[in-house]
Amino acid sequence: MFKVKKQEHINKTFRMPVELVASLEELAAKKEVSLNQLVIQCCAYALAHLADDDS
């Protein structure tokens, strides 16, 4: 049976270097995705591939 799923979101404000935002905006435009979606994917990838530093 088809069920409509709603993804929950929250608004947060982050301060980022101007150069980083410019690079992200350029990449988002090139890949035809929103800047928000690109940042979400970048953060998710970084968390999934975070080095396990126990030292």
Protein backbone atom coordinates (compact mmCIF):
# COMPACT_ATOMS: atom_id res chain seq x y z
CA MET A 1 0.00 0.00 0.00
CA PHE A 2 1.23 3.51 -0.84
CA LYS A 3 2.12 5.66 2.15
CA VAL A 4 3.11 9.30 1.92
CA LYS A 5 6.28 9.94 3.92
CA LYS A 6 7.15 13.37 5.22
CA GLN A 7 10.78 14.13 5.97
CA GLU A 8 11.22 16.33 9.02
CA HIS A 9 13.45 19.40 8.70
CA ILE A 10 14.78 22.02 11.09
CA ASN A 11 16.16 25.48 10.33
CA LYS A 12 19.65 26.30 11.61
CA THR A 13 22.08 29.11 10.81
CA PHE A 14 25.76 28.39 10.17
CA ARG A 15 28.57 30.83 9.47
CA MET A 16 30.76 29.69 6.60
CA PRO A 17 33.71 31.26 4.80
CA VAL A 18 32.72 33.30 1.74
CA GLU A 19 35.03 31.29 -0.52
CA LEU A 20 33.50 27.97 0.61
CA VAL A 21 29.96 29.19 -0.03
CA ALA A 22 30.95 30.46 -3.46
CA SER A 23 32.45 27.07 -4.33
CA LEU A 24 29.36 25.25 -3.07
CA GLU A 25 27.04 27.57 -5.01
CA GLU A 26 29.07 27.02 -8.19
CA LEU A 27 28.98 23.24 -7.76
CA ALA A 28 25.26 23.24 -6.97
CA ALA A 29 24.52 25.22 -10.13
CA LYS A 30 26.76 22.95 -12.21
CA LYS A 31 25.06 19.80 -10.87
CA GLU A 32 21.58 21.40 -11.06
CA VAL A 33 20.72 20.83 -7.39
CA SER A 34 19.83 23.32 -4.70
CA LEU A 35 22.58 24.64 -2.47
CA ASN A 36 20.65 23.24 0.50
CA GLN A 37 20.54 19.75 -1.03
CA LEU A 38 24.26 19.87 -1.82
CA VAL A 39 25.14 20.88 1.75
CA ILE A 40 22.95 18.07 3.13
CA GLN A 41 24.69 15.52 0.90
CA CYS A 42 28.16 16.86 1.78
CA CYS A 43 27.46 16.70 5.51
CA ALA A 44 25.95 13.21 5.30
CA TYR A 45 28.96 11.97 3.31
CA ALA A 46 31.42 13.55 5.76
CA LEU A 47 29.69 11.95 8.75
CA ALA A 48 29.52 8.54 7.06
CA HIS A 49 33.24 8.68 6.23
CA LEU A 50 34.52 10.28 9.42
CA ALA A 51 37.84 8.86 10.58
CA ASP A 52 37.63 7.01 13.87
CA ASP A 53 40.29 8.76 15.98
CA ASP A 54 40.48 7.15 19.40
CA SER A 55 43.87 8.64 20.22
